[in-house]
Each structure stands twice: as C-alpha cells, then as structure tokens.
Amino acid sequence: MTTQHWNIDLSFEEDGTRTACKASLTGPNAPGVEGKGIARRNPGDTPDAKIGEELAAARACSELAHELVGRAAADVESHTHRPADIGM
C-alpha cells in the first residue's frame, strides 16, 4: 500500500470590503490545481474578517474540488477512450 499526502494551502488577500482566497494543493505528486474564491461584504454589514475568510475559502475549495473532478474525468477518458461518467 502506498500513502500519498497532499496539503491544501489557503492564502488570503483582504481590502476591507472584499476577501479573496487561493486554494492550492502542495506535496509530492500533488496535481497542479488551484481554486479561487471571493467574498464581498455588504456595505451595511459590520466588518468581520473571519466570515469573509470562511466564505472565500469555501468557494476556493469548491472550485479546487471541481478542478480535481475535471482532471480525474480527463484521465478516465484518456484510459477508456469513452466519455467519463463522473458525478459531483
């Protein structure tokens, strides 16, 4: 049995009304995929960086997951030469 370890690295940029997050996989043999997510604060809401980070990270991780599924589907198709039936 082989063991693989991939880490998800989340990096944030904030400007007071917007939080952006980039999620990327790191580690040996990790595929080079990343996801990006943005959260925007409603001007009437009280600033809370934690909420923006949580929402932006969730969106970035969701995009990262979709990128991985797309890659897996492409790999299946290259092996089977048929459309992949991979749901998400």
PDB file of N, CA and C in Angstrom:
ATOM      1  N   MET A   1       0.844  -1.176   0.000  1.00  0.00           N
ATOM      2  CA  MET A   1       0.000   0.000   0.000  1.00  0.00           C
ATOM      3  C   MET A   1       0.895   1.247   0.000  1.00  0.00           C
ATOM      4  N   THR A   2       0.546   2.195  -0.826  1.00  0.00           N
ATOM      5  CA  THR A   2       1.267   3.469  -0.874  1.00  0.00           C
ATOM      6  C   THR A   2       0.451   4.547  -0.172  1.00  0.00           C
ATOM      7  N   THR A   3       1.148   5.468   0.395  1.00  0.00           N
ATOM      8  CA  THR A   3       0.487   6.581   1.069  1.00  0.00           C
ATOM      9  C   THR A   3       0.877   7.879   0.385  1.00  0.00           C
ATOM     10  N   GLN A   4      -0.106   8.670   0.054  1.00  0.00           N
ATOM     11  CA  GLN A   4       0.110   9.997  -0.534  1.00  0.00           C
ATOM     12  C   GLN A   4      -0.354  11.044   0.467  1.00  0.00           C
ATOM     13  N   HIS A   5       0.339  12.156   0.506  1.00  0.00           N
ATOM     14  CA  HIS A   5      -0.071  13.277   1.352  1.00  0.00           C
ATOM     15  C   HIS A   5      -0.096  14.535   0.505  1.00  0.00           C
ATOM     16  N   TRP A   6      -1.258  15.114   0.395  1.00  0.00           N
ATOM     17  CA  TRP A   6      -1.406  16.410  -0.249  1.00  0.00           C
ATOM     18  C   TRP A   6      -1.881  17.374   0.823  1.00  0.00           C
ATOM     19  N   ASN A   7      -1.413  18.576   0.741  1.00  0.00           N
ATOM     20  CA  ASN A   7      -1.845  19.632   1.657  1.00  0.00           C
ATOM     21  C   ASN A   7      -2.575  20.696   0.866  1.00  0.00           C
ATOM     22  N   ILE A   8      -3.593  21.253   1.464  1.00  0.00           N
ATOM     23  CA  ILE A   8      -4.282  22.383   0.849  1.00  0.00           C
ATOM     24  C   ILE A   8      -3.744  23.645   1.492  1.00  0.00           C
ATOM     25  N   ASP A   9      -3.178  24.510   0.679  1.00  0.00           N
ATOM     26  CA  ASP A   9      -2.638  25.778   1.141  1.00  0.00           C
ATOM     27  C   ASP A   9      -3.650  26.866   0.805  1.00  0.00           C
ATOM     28  N   LEU A  10      -4.096  27.604   1.807  1.00  0.00           N
ATOM     29  CA  LEU A  10      -5.039  28.702   1.607  1.00  0.00           C
ATOM     30  C   LEU A  10      -4.312  30.015   1.857  1.00  0.00           C
ATOM     31  N   SER A  11      -4.376  30.922   0.892  1.00  0.00           N
ATOM     32  CA  SER A  11      -3.798  32.248   1.089  1.00  0.00           C
ATOM     33  C   SER A  11      -4.884  33.289   0.839  1.00  0.00           C
ATOM     34  N   PHE A  12      -4.860  34.343   1.644  1.00  0.00           N
ATOM     35  CA  PHE A  12      -5.925  35.347   1.622  1.00  0.00           C
ATOM     36  C   PHE A  12      -5.376  36.728   1.326  1.00  0.00           C
ATOM     37  N   GLU A  13      -6.217  37.520   0.668  1.00  0.00           N
ATOM     38  CA  GLU A  13      -5.974  38.949   0.476  1.00  0.00           C
ATOM     39  C   GLU A  13      -7.264  39.654   0.838  1.00  0.00           C
ATOM     40  N   GLU A  14      -7.153  40.688   1.674  1.00  0.00           N
ATOM     41  CA  GLU A  14      -8.341  41.420   2.110  1.00  0.00           C
ATOM     42  C   GLU A  14      -8.133  42.915   1.895  1.00  0.00           C
ATOM     43  N   ASP A  15      -9.221  43.599   1.542  1.00  0.00           N
ATOM     44  CA  ASP A  15      -9.122  45.049   1.374  1.00  0.00           C
ATOM     45  C   ASP A  15     -10.200  45.805   2.154  1.00  0.00           C
ATOM     46  N   GLY A  16     -10.858  45.152   3.079  1.00  0.00           N
ATOM     47  CA  GLY A  16     -11.876  45.823   3.881  1.00  0.00           C
ATOM     48  C   GLY A  16     -13.297  45.509   3.453  1.00  0.00           C
ATOM     49  N   THR A  17     -13.517  45.394   2.159  1.00  0.00           N
ATOM     50  CA  THR A  17     -14.855  45.044   1.666  1.00  0.00           C
ATOM     51  C   THR A  17     -14.856  43.729   0.894  1.00  0.00           C
ATOM     52  N   ARG A  18     -13.669  43.227   0.594  1.00  0.00           N
ATOM     53  CA  ARG A  18     -13.555  42.021  -0.224  1.00  0.00           C
ATOM     54  C   ARG A  18     -12.448  41.142   0.334  1.00  0.00           C
ATOM     55  N   THR A  19     -12.714  39.845   0.364  1.00  0.00           N
ATOM     56  CA  THR A  19     -11.702  38.862   0.755  1.00  0.00           C
ATOM     57  C   THR A  19     -11.544  37.881  -0.392  1.00  0.00           C
ATOM     58  N   ALA A  20     -10.318  37.698  -0.838  1.00  0.00           N
ATOM     59  CA  ALA A  20     -10.013  36.730  -1.893  1.00  0.00           C
ATOM     60  C   ALA A  20      -9.188  35.609  -1.282  1.00  0.00           C
ATOM     61  N   CYS A  21      -9.432  34.393  -1.751  1.00  0.00           N
ATOM     62  CA  CYS A  21      -8.689  33.235  -1.269  1.00  0.00           C
ATOM     63  C   CYS A  21      -8.222  32.412  -2.458  1.00  0.00           C
ATOM     64  N   LYS A  22      -6.995  31.927  -2.354  1.00  0.00           N
ATOM     65  CA  LYS A  22      -6.480  30.980  -3.343  1.00  0.00           C
ATOM     66  C   LYS A  22      -6.198  29.680  -2.601  1.00  0.00           C
ATOM     67  N   ALA A  23      -6.771  28.582  -3.088  1.00  0.00           N
ATOM     68  CA  ALA A  23      -6.543  27.247  -2.529  1.00  0.00           C
ATOM     69  C   ALA A  23      -5.705  26.471  -3.528  1.00  0.00           C
ATOM     70  N   SER A  24      -4.577  25.947  -3.066  1.00  0.00           N
ATOM     71  CA  SER A  24      -3.728  25.161  -3.958  1.00  0.00           C
ATOM     72  C   SER A  24      -3.256  23.913  -3.239  1.00  0.00           C
ATOM     73  N   LEU A  25      -3.036  22.861  -4.023  1.00  0.00           N
ATOM     74  CA  LEU A  25      -2.534  21.606  -3.474  1.00  0.00           C
ATOM     75  C   LEU A  25      -1.018  21.614  -3.509  1.00  0.00           C
ATOM     76  N   THR A  26      -0.419  21.180  -2.412  1.00  0.00           N
ATOM     77  CA  THR A  26       1.034  21.072  -2.345  1.00  0.00           C
ATOM     78  C   THR A  26       1.393  19.678  -1.860  1.00  0.00           C
ATOM     79  N   GLY A  27       2.609  19.291  -2.112  1.00  0.00           N
ATOM     80  CA  GLY A  27       3.094  17.986  -1.682  1.00  0.00           C
ATOM     81  C   GLY A  27       3.620  17.204  -2.868  1.00  0.00           C
ATOM     82  N   PRO A  28       4.409  16.169  -2.565  1.00  0.00           N
ATOM     83  CA  PRO A  28       4.938  15.331  -3.643  1.00  0.00           C
ATOM     84  C   PRO A  28       3.807  14.722  -4.460  1.00  0.00           C
ATOM     85  N   ASN A  29       3.928  14.788  -5.747  1.00  0.00           N
ATOM     86  CA  ASN A  29       2.958  14.222  -6.685  1.00  0.00           C
ATOM     87  C   ASN A  29       1.575  14.863  -6.632  1.00  0.00           C
ATOM     88  N   ALA A  30       1.431  15.988  -5.955  1.00  0.00           N
ATOM     89  CA  ALA A  30       0.131  16.681  -5.949  1.00  0.00           C
ATOM     90  C   ALA A  30      -0.095  17.299  -7.329  1.00  0.00           C
ATOM     91  N   PRO A  31      -1.299  17.146  -7.859  1.00  0.00           N
ATOM     92  CA  PRO A  31      -1.574  17.764  -9.154  1.00  0.00           C
ATOM     93  C   PRO A  31      -1.550  19.287  -9.029  1.00  0.00           C
ATOM     94  N   GLY A  32      -1.135  19.941 -10.052  1.00  0.00           N
ATOM     95  CA  GLY A  32      -1.039  21.402 -10.020  1.00  0.00           C
ATOM     96  C   GLY A  32      -2.382  22.064 -10.280  1.00  0.00           C
ATOM     97  N   VAL A  33      -3.281  21.949  -9.346  1.00  0.00           N
ATOM     98  CA  VAL A  33      -4.584  22.602  -9.497  1.00  0.00           C
ATOM     99  C   VAL A  33      -4.774  23.605  -8.377  1.00  0.00           C
ATOM    100  N   GLU A  34      -5.581  24.616  -8.672  1.00  0.00           N
ATOM    101  CA  GLU A  34      -5.903  25.597  -7.647  1.00  0.00           C
ATOM    102  C   GLU A  34      -7.321  26.119  -7.871  1.00  0.00           C
ATOM    103  N   GLY A  35      -7.854  26.661  -6.828  1.00  0.00           N
ATOM    104  CA  GLY A  35      -9.177  27.264  -6.898  1.00  0.00           C
ATOM    105  C   GLY A  35      -9.124  28.653  -6.291  1.00  0.00           C
ATOM    106  N   LYS A  36     -10.020  29.499  -6.742  1.00  0.00           N
ATOM    107  CA  LYS A  36     -10.087  30.865  -6.234  1.00  0.00           C
ATOM    108  C   LYS A  36     -11.502  31.156  -5.767  1.00  0.00           C
ATOM    109  N   GLY A  37     -11.603  31.903  -4.701  1.00  0.00           N
ATOM    110  CA  GLY A  37     -12.906  32.282  -4.172  1.00  0.00           C
ATOM    111  C   GLY A  37     -12.870  33.705  -3.659  1.00  0.00           C
ATOM    112  N   ILE A  38     -14.002  34.378  -3.767  1.00  0.00           N
ATOM    113  CA  ILE A  38     -14.109  35.773  -3.329  1.00  0.00           C
ATOM    114  C   ILE A  38     -15.366  35.928  -2.480  1.00  0.00           C
ATOM    115  N   ALA A  39     -15.235  36.714  -1.429  1.00  0.00           N
ATOM    116  CA  ALA A  39     -16.383  37.093  -0.610  1.00  0.00           C
ATOM    117  C   ALA A  39     -16.411  38.619  -0.560  1.00  0.00           C
ATOM    118  N   ARG A  40     -17.594  39.175  -0.730  1.00  0.00           N
ATOM    119  CA  ARG A  40     -17.746  40.631  -0.664  1.00  0.00           C
ATOM    120  C   ARG A  40     -18.677  40.978   0.489  1.00  0.00           C
ATOM    121  N   ARG A  41     -18.262  41.950   1.275  1.00  0.00           N
ATOM    122  CA  ARG A  41     -19.081  42.378   2.403  1.00  0.00           C
ATOM    123  C   ARG A  41     -20.104  43.395   1.937  1.00  0.00           C
ATOM    124  N   ASN A  42     -21.328  43.200   2.375  1.00  0.00           N
ATOM    125  CA  ASN A  42     -22.370  44.184   2.128  1.00  0.00           C
ATOM    126  C   ASN A  42     -21.986  45.453   2.884  1.00  0.00           C
ATOM    127  N   PRO A  43     -22.039  46.611   2.250  1.00  0.00           N
ATOM    128  CA  PRO A  43     -21.620  47.846   2.921  1.00  0.00           C
ATOM    129  C   PRO A  43     -22.359  48.111   4.239  1.00  0.00           C
ATOM    130  N   GLY A  44     -23.560  47.586   4.391  1.00  0.00           N
ATOM    131  CA  GLY A  44     -24.315  47.791   5.620  1.00  0.00           C
ATOM    132  C   GLY A  44     -23.964  46.832   6.738  1.00  0.00           C
ATOM    133  N   ASP A  45     -23.165  45.805   6.441  1.00  0.00           N
ATOM    134  CA  ASP A  45     -22.798  44.818   7.456  1.00  0.00           C
ATOM    135  C   ASP A  45     -21.585  45.270   8.259  1.00  0.00           C
ATOM    136  N   THR A  46     -21.529  44.810   9.484  1.00  0.00           N
ATOM    137  CA  THR A  46     -20.374  45.076  10.341  1.00  0.00           C
ATOM    138  C   THR A  46     -19.183  44.273   9.816  1.00  0.00           C
ATOM    139  N   PRO A  47     -18.015  44.890   9.696  1.00  0.00           N
ATOM    140  CA  PRO A  47     -16.841  44.143   9.227  1.00  0.00           C
ATOM    141  C   PRO A  47     -16.503  42.978  10.164  1.00  0.00           C
ATOM    142  N   ASP A  48     -16.245  41.815   9.577  1.00  0.00           N
ATOM    143  CA  ASP A  48     -15.815  40.633  10.327  1.00  0.00           C
ATOM    144  C   ASP A  48     -14.956  39.799   9.385  1.00  0.00           C
ATOM    145  N   ALA A  49     -13.642  39.929   9.533  1.00  0.00           N
ATOM    146  CA  ALA A  49     -12.704  39.257   8.618  1.00  0.00           C
ATOM    147  C   ALA A  49     -12.895  37.746   8.612  1.00  0.00           C
ATOM    148  N   LYS A  50     -13.247  37.169   9.755  1.00  0.00           N
ATOM    149  CA  LYS A  50     -13.404  35.712   9.854  1.00  0.00           C
ATOM    150  C   LYS A  50     -14.485  35.211   8.901  1.00  0.00           C
ATOM    151  N   ILE A  51     -15.597  35.913   8.827  1.00  0.00           N
ATOM    152  CA  ILE A  51     -16.695  35.487   7.949  1.00  0.00           C
ATOM    153  C   ILE A  51     -16.255  35.549   6.491  1.00  0.00           C
ATOM    154  N   GLY A  52     -15.592  36.623   6.108  1.00  0.00           N
ATOM    155  CA  GLY A  52     -15.102  36.742   4.735  1.00  0.00           C
ATOM    156  C   GLY A  52     -14.115  35.654   4.384  1.00  0.00           C
ATOM    157  N   GLU A  53     -13.224  35.339   5.319  1.00  0.00           N
ATOM    158  CA  GLU A  53     -12.243  34.286   5.076  1.00  0.00           C
ATOM    159  C   GLU A  53     -12.924  32.928   4.935  1.00  0.00           C
ATOM    160  N   GLU A  54     -13.895  32.643   5.801  1.00  0.00           N
ATOM    161  CA  GLU A  54     -14.600  31.360   5.728  1.00  0.00           C
ATOM    162  C   GLU A  54     -15.322  31.200   4.388  1.00  0.00           C
ATOM    163  N   LEU A  55     -16.024  32.238   3.972  1.00  0.00           N
ATOM    164  CA  LEU A  55     -16.777  32.156   2.724  1.00  0.00           C
ATOM    165  C   LEU A  55     -15.849  32.082   1.512  1.00  0.00           C
ATOM    166  N   ALA A  56     -14.818  32.910   1.488  1.00  0.00           N
ATOM    167  CA  ALA A  56     -13.871  32.881   0.367  1.00  0.00           C
ATOM    168  C   ALA A  56     -13.148  31.535   0.308  1.00  0.00           C
ATOM    169  N   ALA A  57     -12.760  30.986   1.472  1.00  0.00           N
ATOM    170  CA  ALA A  57     -12.090  29.683   1.499  1.00  0.00           C
ATOM    171  C   ALA A  57     -13.012  28.578   1.013  1.00  0.00           C
ATOM    172  N   ALA A  58     -14.273  28.614   1.430  1.00  0.00           N
ATOM    173  CA  ALA A  58     -15.233  27.604   0.974  1.00  0.00           C
ATOM    174  C   ALA A  58     -15.388  27.649  -0.544  1.00  0.00           C
ATOM    175  N   ARG A  59     -15.468  28.835  -1.088  1.00  0.00           N
ATOM    176  CA  ARG A  59     -15.619  28.970  -2.546  1.00  0.00           C
ATOM    177  C   ARG A  59     -14.353  28.519  -3.271  1.00  0.00           C
ATOM    178  N   ALA A  60     -13.188  28.836  -2.727  1.00  0.00           N
ATOM    179  CA  ALA A  60     -11.924  28.415  -3.348  1.00  0.00           C
ATOM    180  C   ALA A  60     -11.784  26.895  -3.303  1.00  0.00           C
ATOM    181  N   CYS A  61     -12.145  26.285  -2.180  1.00  0.00           N
ATOM    182  CA  CYS A  61     -12.049  24.825  -2.051  1.00  0.00           C
ATOM    183  C   CYS A  61     -13.057  24.131  -2.966  1.00  0.00           C
ATOM    184  N   SER A  62     -14.227  24.731  -3.134  1.00  0.00           N
ATOM    185  CA  SER A  62     -15.220  24.168  -4.041  1.00  0.00           C
ATOM    186  C   SER A  62     -14.694  24.175  -5.479  1.00  0.00           C
ATOM    187  N   GLU A  63     -14.088  25.290  -5.878  1.00  0.00           N
ATOM    188  CA  GLU A  63     -13.522  25.360  -7.228  1.00  0.00           C
ATOM    189  C   GLU A  63     -12.374  24.362  -7.376  1.00  0.00           C
ATOM    190  N   LEU A  64     -11.553  24.219  -6.329  1.00  0.00           N
ATOM    191  CA  LEU A  64     -10.459  23.252  -6.341  1.00  0.00           C
ATOM    192  C   LEU A  64     -11.007  21.843  -6.539  1.00  0.00           C
ATOM    193  N   ALA A  65     -12.072  21.510  -5.831  1.00  0.00           N
ATOM    194  CA  ALA A  65     -12.694  20.183  -5.963  1.00  0.00           C
ATOM    195  C   ALA A  65     -13.189  19.955  -7.383  1.00  0.00           C
ATOM    196  N   HIS A  66     -13.821  20.954  -7.974  1.00  0.00           N
ATOM    197  CA  HIS A  66     -14.307  20.809  -9.350  1.00  0.00           C
ATOM    198  C   HIS A  66     -13.153  20.625 -10.331  1.00  0.00           C
ATOM    199  N   GLU A  67     -12.053  21.320 -10.092  1.00  0.00           N
ATOM    200  CA  GLU A  67     -10.868  21.148 -10.940  1.00  0.00           C
ATOM    201  C   GLU A  67     -10.342  19.716 -10.838  1.00  0.00           C
ATOM    202  N   LEU A  68     -10.309  19.164  -9.632  1.00  0.00           N
ATOM    203  CA  LEU A  68      -9.836  17.785  -9.451  1.00  0.00           C
ATOM    204  C   LEU A  68     -10.752  16.779 -10.144  1.00  0.00           C
ATOM    205  N   VAL A  69     -12.068  16.991 -10.039  1.00  0.00           N
ATOM    206  CA  VAL A  69     -13.016  16.098 -10.713  1.00  0.00           C
ATOM    207  C   VAL A  69     -12.819  16.181 -12.224  1.00  0.00           C
ATOM    208  N   GLY A  70     -12.622  17.374 -12.738  1.00  0.00           N
ATOM    209  CA  GLY A  70     -12.383  17.531 -14.178  1.00  0.00           C
ATOM    210  C   GLY A  70     -11.123  16.821 -14.628  1.00  0.00           C
ATOM    211  N   ARG A  71     -10.084  16.924 -13.811  1.00  0.00           N
ATOM    212  CA  ARG A  71      -8.845  16.218 -14.131  1.00  0.00           C
ATOM    213  C   ARG A  71      -9.031  14.714 -14.110  1.00  0.00           C
ATOM    214  N   ALA A  72      -9.736  14.221 -13.095  1.00  0.00           N
ATOM    215  CA  ALA A  72      -9.985  12.780 -12.992  1.00  0.00           C
ATOM    216  C   ALA A  72     -10.790  12.300 -14.192  1.00  0.00           C
ATOM    217  N   ALA A  73     -11.787  13.074 -14.593  1.00  0.00           N
ATOM    218  CA  ALA A  73     -12.600  12.695 -15.755  1.00  0.00           C
ATOM    219  C   ALA A  73     -11.738  12.628 -17.010  1.00  0.00           C
ATOM    220  N   ALA A  74     -10.865  13.597 -17.176  1.00  0.00           N
ATOM    221  CA  ALA A  74      -9.980  13.586 -18.351  1.00  0.00           C
ATOM    222  C   ALA A  74      -9.059  12.375 -18.321  1.00  0.00           C
ATOM    223  N   ASP A  75      -8.562  12.017 -17.129  1.00  0.00           N
ATOM    224  CA  ASP A  75      -7.698  10.836 -17.019  1.00  0.00           C
ATOM    225  C   ASP A  75      -8.465   9.553 -17.336  1.00  0.00           C
ATOM    226  N   VAL A  76      -9.700   9.443 -16.848  1.00  0.00           N
ATOM    227  CA  VAL A  76     -10.527   8.266 -17.151  1.00  0.00           C
ATOM    228  C   VAL A  76     -10.745   8.170 -18.656  1.00  0.00           C
ATOM    229  N   GLU A  77     -11.086   9.292 -19.287  1.00  0.00           N
ATOM    230  CA  GLU A  77     -11.341   9.295 -20.728  1.00  0.00           C
ATOM    231  C   GLU A  77     -10.097   8.932 -21.524  1.00  0.00           C
ATOM    232  N   SER A  78      -8.924   9.345 -21.048  1.00  0.00           N
ATOM    233  CA  SER A  78      -7.700   9.003 -21.783  1.00  0.00           C
ATOM    234  C   SER A  78      -7.390   7.513 -21.675  1.00  0.00           C
ATOM    235  N   HIS A  79      -7.852   6.864 -20.618  1.00  0.00           N
ATOM    236  CA  HIS A  79      -7.640   5.421 -20.463  1.00  0.00           C
ATOM    237  C   HIS A  79      -8.710   4.589 -21.168  1.00  0.00           C
ATOM    238  N   THR A  80      -9.946   5.071 -21.124  1.00  0.00           N
ATOM    239  CA  THR A  80     -11.054   4.260 -21.668  1.00  0.00           C
ATOM    240  C   THR A  80     -11.437   4.660 -23.087  1.00  0.00           C
ATOM    241  N   HIS A  81     -11.044   5.872 -23.513  1.00  0.00           N
ATOM    242  CA  HIS A  81     -11.417   6.402 -24.822  1.00  0.00           C
ATOM    243  C   HIS A  81     -12.925   6.535 -24.970  1.00  0.00           C
ATOM    244  N   ARG A  82     -13.591   6.748 -23.822  1.00  0.00           N
ATOM    245  CA  ARG A  82     -15.045   6.984 -23.797  1.00  0.00           C
ATOM    246  C   ARG A  82     -15.306   8.139 -22.821  1.00  0.00           C
ATOM    247  N   PRO A  83     -16.448   8.802 -22.972  1.00  0.00           N
ATOM    248  CA  PRO A  83     -16.784   9.868 -22.021  1.00  0.00           C
ATOM    249  C   PRO A  83     -16.870   9.313 -20.596  1.00  0.00           C
ATOM    250  N   ALA A  84     -16.301  10.038 -19.670  1.00  0.00           N
ATOM    251  CA  ALA A  84     -16.315   9.606 -18.262  1.00  0.00           C
ATOM    252  C   ALA A  84     -17.677   9.930 -17.645  1.00  0.00           C
ATOM    253  N   ASP A  85     -18.144   9.043 -16.816  1.00  0.00           N
ATOM    254  CA  ASP A  85     -19.397   9.251 -16.091  1.00  0.00           C
ATOM    255  C   ASP A  85     -19.051   9.478 -14.615  1.00  0.00           C
ATOM    256  N   ILE A  86     -18.501  10.670 -14.365  1.00  0.00           N
ATOM    257  CA  ILE A  86     -18.078  11.023 -13.003  1.00  0.00           C
ATOM    258  C   ILE A  86     -18.958  12.163 -12.528  1.00  0.00           C
ATOM    259  N   GLY A  87     -19.702  11.928 -11.476  1.00  0.00           N
ATOM    260  CA  GLY A  87     -20.570  12.966 -10.942  1.00  0.00           C
ATOM    261  C   GLY A  87     -19.915  13.698  -9.792  1.00  0.00           C
ATOM    262  N   MET A  88     -20.504  14.816  -9.461  1.00  0.00           N
ATOM    263  CA  MET A  88     -20.018  15.570  -8.304  1.00  0.00           C
ATOM    264  C   MET A  88     -21.192  16.074  -7.536  1.00  0.00           C
TER     265      MET A  88
END
